[in-house]
């Protein structure tokens, strides 16, 4: 087994462990983060109905054009907070999906909080 697959398996184990206690509802959806080597995406999920309410990603046009890394993650955080506010969502449950609360994940969360999301 390679180091990368060990890392991925560890993240999946952590995510399964986290998901035992983190559950999104209609009133308080789950804000789940996916981080790849180049991009970061986030979505608000209602786990009761199994529905994605809103999402934002660096791969979407106009979200983080021309910027990368922590700055792009912060822009995605601002976008998801604005889209959530437009959808009438103010409170969320943060699901870091097994990633460390560090770097791009922390920048995204801090920017979303600054724009008015509560978690």
N, C-alpha and C. Protein backbone atom coordinates (compact mmCIF):
# COMPACT_ATOMS: atom_id res chain seq x y z
N UNK A 1 0.84 -1.18 0.00
CA UNK A 1 0.00 0.00 0.00
C UNK A 1 0.88 1.24 0.00
N UNK A 2 0.51 2.22 -0.78
CA UNK A 2 1.31 3.43 -0.87
C UNK A 2 0.96 4.40 0.26
N UNK A 3 1.81 5.38 0.41
CA UNK A 3 1.58 6.38 1.46
C UNK A 3 0.30 7.16 1.18
N UNK A 4 0.06 7.48 -0.11
CA UNK A 4 -1.13 8.26 -0.45
C UNK A 4 -2.41 7.50 -0.14
N UNK A 5 -2.44 6.20 -0.44
CA UNK A 5 -3.65 5.44 -0.14
C UNK A 5 -3.84 5.27 1.37
N UNK A 6 -2.73 5.18 2.12
CA UNK A 6 -2.83 5.15 3.58
C UNK A 6 -3.45 6.43 4.11
N UNK A 7 -3.00 7.57 3.54
CA UNK A 7 -3.53 8.86 3.95
C UNK A 7 -5.01 8.97 3.64
N UNK A 8 -5.37 8.54 2.43
CA UNK A 8 -6.77 8.61 2.01
C UNK A 8 -7.63 7.70 2.89
N UNK A 9 -7.14 6.51 3.19
CA UNK A 9 -7.89 5.58 4.04
C UNK A 9 -8.05 6.15 5.45
N UNK A 10 -7.01 6.81 5.96
CA UNK A 10 -7.10 7.44 7.28
C UNK A 10 -8.13 8.54 7.30
N UNK A 11 -8.16 9.35 6.24
CA UNK A 11 -9.16 10.42 6.16
C UNK A 11 -10.56 9.85 6.11
N UNK A 12 -10.75 8.78 5.35
CA UNK A 12 -12.07 8.16 5.27
C UNK A 12 -12.50 7.58 6.62
N UNK A 13 -11.54 7.01 7.36
CA UNK A 13 -11.86 6.50 8.70
C UNK A 13 -12.28 7.65 9.62
N UNK A 14 -11.53 8.74 9.58
CA UNK A 14 -11.87 9.90 10.41
C UNK A 14 -13.23 10.46 10.01
N UNK A 15 -13.50 10.51 8.71
CA UNK A 15 -14.78 11.05 8.25
C UNK A 15 -15.94 10.19 8.72
N UNK A 16 -15.81 8.87 8.64
CA UNK A 16 -16.88 7.98 9.13
C UNK A 16 -17.10 8.19 10.62
N UNK A 17 -16.01 8.37 11.37
CA UNK A 17 -16.13 8.58 12.82
C UNK A 17 -16.83 9.90 13.12
N UNK A 18 -16.49 10.95 12.37
CA UNK A 18 -17.10 12.26 12.56
C UNK A 18 -18.58 12.20 12.21
N UNK A 19 -18.92 11.49 11.13
CA UNK A 19 -20.30 11.45 10.64
C UNK A 19 -21.25 10.75 11.61
N UNK A 20 -20.73 10.02 12.58
CA UNK A 20 -21.60 9.40 13.58
C UNK A 20 -22.31 10.46 14.41
N UNK A 21 -21.67 11.61 14.61
CA UNK A 21 -22.25 12.64 15.46
C UNK A 21 -22.69 13.88 14.70
N UNK A 22 -22.26 14.05 13.46
CA UNK A 22 -22.60 15.25 12.69
C UNK A 22 -23.72 14.89 11.72
N UNK A 23 -24.87 15.56 11.87
CA UNK A 23 -26.05 15.25 11.05
C UNK A 23 -26.73 16.56 10.69
N UNK A 24 -27.02 16.74 9.42
CA UNK A 24 -27.66 17.96 8.96
C UNK A 24 -29.16 17.82 8.89
N UNK A 25 -29.87 18.85 9.30
CA UNK A 25 -31.32 18.86 9.23
C UNK A 25 -31.76 20.01 8.33
N UNK A 26 -33.05 20.14 8.15
CA UNK A 26 -33.56 21.23 7.32
C UNK A 26 -33.26 22.59 7.96
N UNK A 27 -33.40 22.66 9.29
CA UNK A 27 -33.15 23.92 10.00
C UNK A 27 -31.66 24.21 10.17
N UNK A 28 -30.86 23.17 10.28
CA UNK A 28 -29.42 23.32 10.49
C UNK A 28 -28.68 22.31 9.61
N UNK A 29 -28.47 22.62 8.33
CA UNK A 29 -27.83 21.66 7.43
C UNK A 29 -26.34 21.49 7.72
N UNK A 30 -25.79 20.43 7.15
CA UNK A 30 -24.38 20.10 7.33
C UNK A 30 -23.57 20.79 6.24
N UNK A 31 -22.55 21.54 6.64
CA UNK A 31 -21.64 22.21 5.72
C UNK A 31 -20.44 21.29 5.54
N UNK A 32 -20.40 20.57 4.42
CA UNK A 32 -19.35 19.58 4.21
C UNK A 32 -18.34 20.09 3.19
N UNK A 33 -17.06 19.87 3.49
CA UNK A 33 -15.95 20.38 2.69
C UNK A 33 -15.28 19.22 1.96
N UNK A 34 -14.93 19.43 0.69
CA UNK A 34 -14.08 18.49 -0.03
C UNK A 34 -12.88 19.27 -0.54
N UNK A 35 -11.70 18.75 -0.25
CA UNK A 35 -10.47 19.44 -0.63
C UNK A 35 -9.65 18.50 -1.51
N UNK A 36 -9.30 18.95 -2.70
CA UNK A 36 -8.36 18.21 -3.54
C UNK A 36 -7.05 18.98 -3.59
N UNK A 37 -6.12 18.50 -4.38
CA UNK A 37 -4.83 19.20 -4.42
C UNK A 37 -4.94 20.56 -5.10
N UNK A 38 -5.91 20.74 -6.02
CA UNK A 38 -6.04 22.00 -6.74
C UNK A 38 -7.28 22.80 -6.36
N UNK A 39 -8.35 22.13 -5.96
CA UNK A 39 -9.62 22.80 -5.77
C UNK A 39 -10.20 22.51 -4.39
N UNK A 40 -11.18 23.30 -4.03
CA UNK A 40 -11.93 23.07 -2.80
C UNK A 40 -13.41 23.33 -3.10
N UNK A 41 -14.26 22.47 -2.58
CA UNK A 41 -15.69 22.65 -2.79
C UNK A 41 -16.41 22.41 -1.47
N UNK A 42 -17.59 22.99 -1.37
CA UNK A 42 -18.36 22.92 -0.15
C UNK A 42 -19.83 22.88 -0.52
N UNK A 43 -20.61 22.16 0.28
CA UNK A 43 -22.05 22.11 0.03
C UNK A 43 -22.81 22.02 1.33
N UNK A 44 -24.04 22.51 1.32
CA UNK A 44 -24.93 22.39 2.47
C UNK A 44 -25.88 21.24 2.19
N UNK A 45 -25.90 20.26 3.10
CA UNK A 45 -26.66 19.04 2.89
C UNK A 45 -27.69 18.86 3.98
N UNK A 46 -28.92 18.54 3.57
CA UNK A 46 -29.97 18.14 4.48
C UNK A 46 -29.96 16.61 4.50
N UNK A 47 -29.43 16.01 5.57
CA UNK A 47 -29.29 14.56 5.65
C UNK A 47 -30.62 13.86 5.87
N UNK A 48 -31.61 14.55 6.38
CA UNK A 48 -32.93 13.93 6.57
C UNK A 48 -33.53 13.53 5.23
N UNK A 49 -33.41 14.42 4.24
CA UNK A 49 -33.97 14.16 2.91
C UNK A 49 -32.92 13.72 1.91
N UNK A 50 -31.63 13.79 2.28
CA UNK A 50 -30.56 13.42 1.36
C UNK A 50 -30.44 14.38 0.19
N UNK A 51 -30.56 15.69 0.48
CA UNK A 51 -30.60 16.70 -0.57
C UNK A 51 -29.50 17.74 -0.33
N UNK A 52 -28.83 18.14 -1.42
CA UNK A 52 -27.90 19.26 -1.36
C UNK A 52 -28.68 20.54 -1.57
N UNK A 53 -28.57 21.46 -0.62
CA UNK A 53 -29.34 22.71 -0.68
C UNK A 53 -28.62 23.76 -1.52
N UNK A 54 -27.37 24.05 -1.21
CA UNK A 54 -26.56 24.99 -2.00
C UNK A 54 -25.12 24.48 -2.01
N UNK A 55 -24.36 24.93 -3.00
CA UNK A 55 -22.96 24.52 -3.08
C UNK A 55 -22.13 25.64 -3.69
N UNK A 56 -20.81 25.54 -3.49
CA UNK A 56 -19.86 26.47 -4.10
C UNK A 56 -18.54 25.74 -4.27
N UNK A 57 -17.80 26.10 -5.30
CA UNK A 57 -16.54 25.43 -5.59
C UNK A 57 -15.62 26.36 -6.36
N UNK A 58 -14.33 26.10 -6.28
CA UNK A 58 -13.38 26.87 -7.08
C UNK A 58 -13.51 26.53 -8.56
N UNK A 59 -14.17 25.45 -8.89
CA UNK A 59 -14.33 25.05 -10.28
C UNK A 59 -15.50 25.75 -10.97
N UNK A 60 -16.34 26.43 -10.21
CA UNK A 60 -17.46 27.15 -10.79
C UNK A 60 -16.98 28.47 -11.39
N UNK A 61 -17.60 28.87 -12.48
CA UNK A 61 -17.21 30.12 -13.14
C UNK A 61 -17.46 31.32 -12.24
N UNK A 62 -16.49 32.18 -12.12
CA UNK A 62 -16.64 33.42 -11.39
C UNK A 62 -16.50 33.33 -9.89
N UNK A 63 -16.30 32.14 -9.34
CA UNK A 63 -16.19 32.03 -7.88
C UNK A 63 -14.79 32.41 -7.43
N UNK A 64 -13.79 31.78 -7.97
CA UNK A 64 -12.41 32.07 -7.55
C UNK A 64 -11.51 32.12 -8.77
N UNK A 65 -11.91 32.90 -9.76
CA UNK A 65 -11.13 32.95 -10.99
C UNK A 65 -9.82 33.70 -10.76
N UNK A 66 -8.72 33.05 -11.12
CA UNK A 66 -7.42 33.69 -11.04
C UNK A 66 -6.73 33.60 -9.69
N UNK A 67 -7.37 33.03 -8.68
CA UNK A 67 -6.72 32.91 -7.38
C UNK A 67 -6.68 31.44 -6.97
N UNK A 68 -5.71 31.09 -6.16
CA UNK A 68 -5.53 29.71 -5.72
C UNK A 68 -5.28 29.67 -4.21
N UNK A 69 -5.29 28.49 -3.69
CA UNK A 69 -4.88 28.26 -2.31
C UNK A 69 -5.83 28.84 -1.28
N UNK A 70 -5.27 29.43 -0.25
CA UNK A 70 -6.04 29.94 0.88
C UNK A 70 -6.97 31.06 0.45
N UNK A 71 -6.53 31.91 -0.47
CA UNK A 71 -7.39 32.99 -0.95
C UNK A 71 -8.61 32.45 -1.68
N UNK A 72 -8.42 31.41 -2.48
CA UNK A 72 -9.54 30.80 -3.20
C UNK A 72 -10.49 30.13 -2.22
N UNK A 73 -9.96 29.48 -1.19
CA UNK A 73 -10.80 28.83 -0.19
C UNK A 73 -11.63 29.87 0.56
N UNK A 74 -11.03 31.01 0.87
CA UNK A 74 -11.76 32.08 1.56
C UNK A 74 -12.88 32.61 0.67
N UNK A 75 -12.62 32.73 -0.61
CA UNK A 75 -13.65 33.20 -1.55
C UNK A 75 -14.80 32.19 -1.64
N UNK A 76 -14.49 30.90 -1.63
CA UNK A 76 -15.54 29.87 -1.64
C UNK A 76 -16.35 29.96 -0.35
N UNK A 77 -15.70 30.23 0.78
CA UNK A 77 -16.41 30.40 2.05
C UNK A 77 -17.37 31.58 2.01
N UNK A 78 -16.93 32.68 1.41
CA UNK A 78 -17.81 33.85 1.28
C UNK A 78 -19.00 33.53 0.36
N UNK A 79 -18.73 32.81 -0.73
CA UNK A 79 -19.79 32.46 -1.68
C UNK A 79 -20.84 31.55 -1.03
N UNK A 80 -20.39 30.54 -0.29
CA UNK A 80 -21.37 29.61 0.31
C UNK A 80 -22.19 30.34 1.37
N UNK A 81 -21.57 31.26 2.10
CA UNK A 81 -22.32 32.02 3.11
C UNK A 81 -23.37 32.91 2.46
N UNK A 82 -23.02 33.56 1.35
CA UNK A 82 -23.98 34.40 0.65
C UNK A 82 -25.12 33.58 0.06
N UNK A 83 -24.80 32.45 -0.54
CA UNK A 83 -25.83 31.59 -1.12
C UNK A 83 -26.73 31.00 -0.04
N UNK A 84 -26.15 30.66 1.11
CA UNK A 84 -26.95 30.13 2.21
C UNK A 84 -27.89 31.21 2.75
N UNK A 85 -27.40 32.42 2.87
CA UNK A 85 -28.24 33.52 3.35
C UNK A 85 -29.40 33.77 2.40
N UNK A 86 -29.14 33.71 1.09
CA UNK A 86 -30.20 33.87 0.10
C UNK A 86 -31.23 32.75 0.20
N UNK A 87 -30.79 31.55 0.60
CA UNK A 87 -31.69 30.42 0.75
C UNK A 87 -32.38 30.41 2.12
N UNK A 88 -32.07 31.40 2.97
CA UNK A 88 -32.70 31.50 4.27
C UNK A 88 -32.04 30.65 5.34
N UNK A 89 -30.77 30.30 5.17
CA UNK A 89 -30.05 29.45 6.12
C UNK A 89 -29.04 30.31 6.86
N UNK A 90 -29.10 30.28 8.19
CA UNK A 90 -28.17 31.06 9.00
C UNK A 90 -27.27 30.18 9.86
N UNK A 91 -27.78 29.03 10.31
CA UNK A 91 -27.02 28.13 11.18
C UNK A 91 -26.73 26.83 10.46
N UNK A 92 -25.49 26.35 10.60
CA UNK A 92 -25.07 25.10 9.97
C UNK A 92 -24.24 24.28 10.96
N UNK A 93 -24.03 23.02 10.62
CA UNK A 93 -23.14 22.13 11.36
C UNK A 93 -21.92 21.91 10.45
N UNK A 94 -20.73 22.19 10.94
CA UNK A 94 -19.53 22.10 10.11
C UNK A 94 -18.99 20.68 10.09
N UNK A 95 -18.79 20.14 8.89
CA UNK A 95 -18.24 18.80 8.69
C UNK A 95 -16.95 18.96 7.89
N UNK A 96 -15.82 18.80 8.56
CA UNK A 96 -14.53 19.00 7.89
C UNK A 96 -14.11 17.75 7.11
N UNK A 97 -14.90 16.70 7.14
CA UNK A 97 -14.72 15.50 6.33
C UNK A 97 -13.38 14.79 6.56
N UNK A 98 -12.88 14.83 7.76
CA UNK A 98 -11.64 14.13 8.08
C UNK A 98 -10.40 14.94 7.81
N UNK A 99 -10.53 16.13 7.21
CA UNK A 99 -9.38 16.99 6.98
C UNK A 99 -9.05 17.73 8.27
N UNK A 100 -7.77 18.07 8.44
CA UNK A 100 -7.39 18.86 9.61
C UNK A 100 -7.96 20.26 9.48
N UNK A 101 -8.35 20.84 10.59
CA UNK A 101 -8.84 22.23 10.60
C UNK A 101 -7.62 23.12 10.53
N UNK A 102 -7.15 23.34 9.29
CA UNK A 102 -5.86 23.98 9.08
C UNK A 102 -5.82 24.46 7.65
N UNK A 103 -5.14 25.55 7.38
CA UNK A 103 -4.93 25.99 6.01
C UNK A 103 -6.21 26.36 5.29
N UNK A 104 -6.46 25.69 4.14
CA UNK A 104 -7.60 26.03 3.29
C UNK A 104 -8.93 25.74 3.97
N UNK A 105 -9.01 24.66 4.75
CA UNK A 105 -10.27 24.32 5.43
C UNK A 105 -10.59 25.39 6.47
N UNK A 106 -9.61 25.82 7.23
CA UNK A 106 -9.81 26.86 8.24
C UNK A 106 -10.14 28.20 7.59
N UNK A 107 -9.49 28.51 6.47
CA UNK A 107 -9.75 29.78 5.77
C UNK A 107 -11.18 29.82 5.25
N UNK A 108 -11.65 28.70 4.72
CA UNK A 108 -13.03 28.61 4.23
C UNK A 108 -14.01 28.82 5.38
N UNK A 109 -13.79 28.13 6.49
CA UNK A 109 -14.69 28.24 7.64
C UNK A 109 -14.69 29.65 8.23
N UNK A 110 -13.53 30.25 8.35
CA UNK A 110 -13.43 31.60 8.91
C UNK A 110 -14.14 32.63 8.02
N UNK A 111 -13.98 32.49 6.71
CA UNK A 111 -14.64 33.42 5.78
C UNK A 111 -16.15 33.25 5.83
N UNK A 112 -16.63 32.01 5.94
CA UNK A 112 -18.08 31.77 6.03
C UNK A 112 -18.64 32.36 7.32
N UNK A 113 -17.90 32.23 8.42
CA UNK A 113 -18.33 32.82 9.70
C UNK A 113 -18.37 34.33 9.61
N UNK A 114 -17.36 34.90 8.98
CA UNK A 114 -17.28 36.35 8.86
C UNK A 114 -18.46 36.91 8.05
N UNK A 115 -18.94 36.12 7.09
CA UNK A 115 -20.08 36.55 6.25
C UNK A 115 -21.43 36.30 6.91
N UNK A 116 -21.44 35.69 8.11
CA UNK A 116 -22.69 35.57 8.84
C UNK A 116 -23.20 34.18 9.13
N UNK A 117 -22.54 33.12 8.64
CA UNK A 117 -22.98 31.76 8.99
C UNK A 117 -22.59 31.46 10.42
N UNK A 118 -23.46 30.79 11.14
CA UNK A 118 -23.17 30.43 12.53
C UNK A 118 -22.92 28.93 12.62
N UNK A 119 -21.73 28.57 13.15
CA UNK A 119 -21.43 27.16 13.45
C UNK A 119 -20.30 27.09 14.45
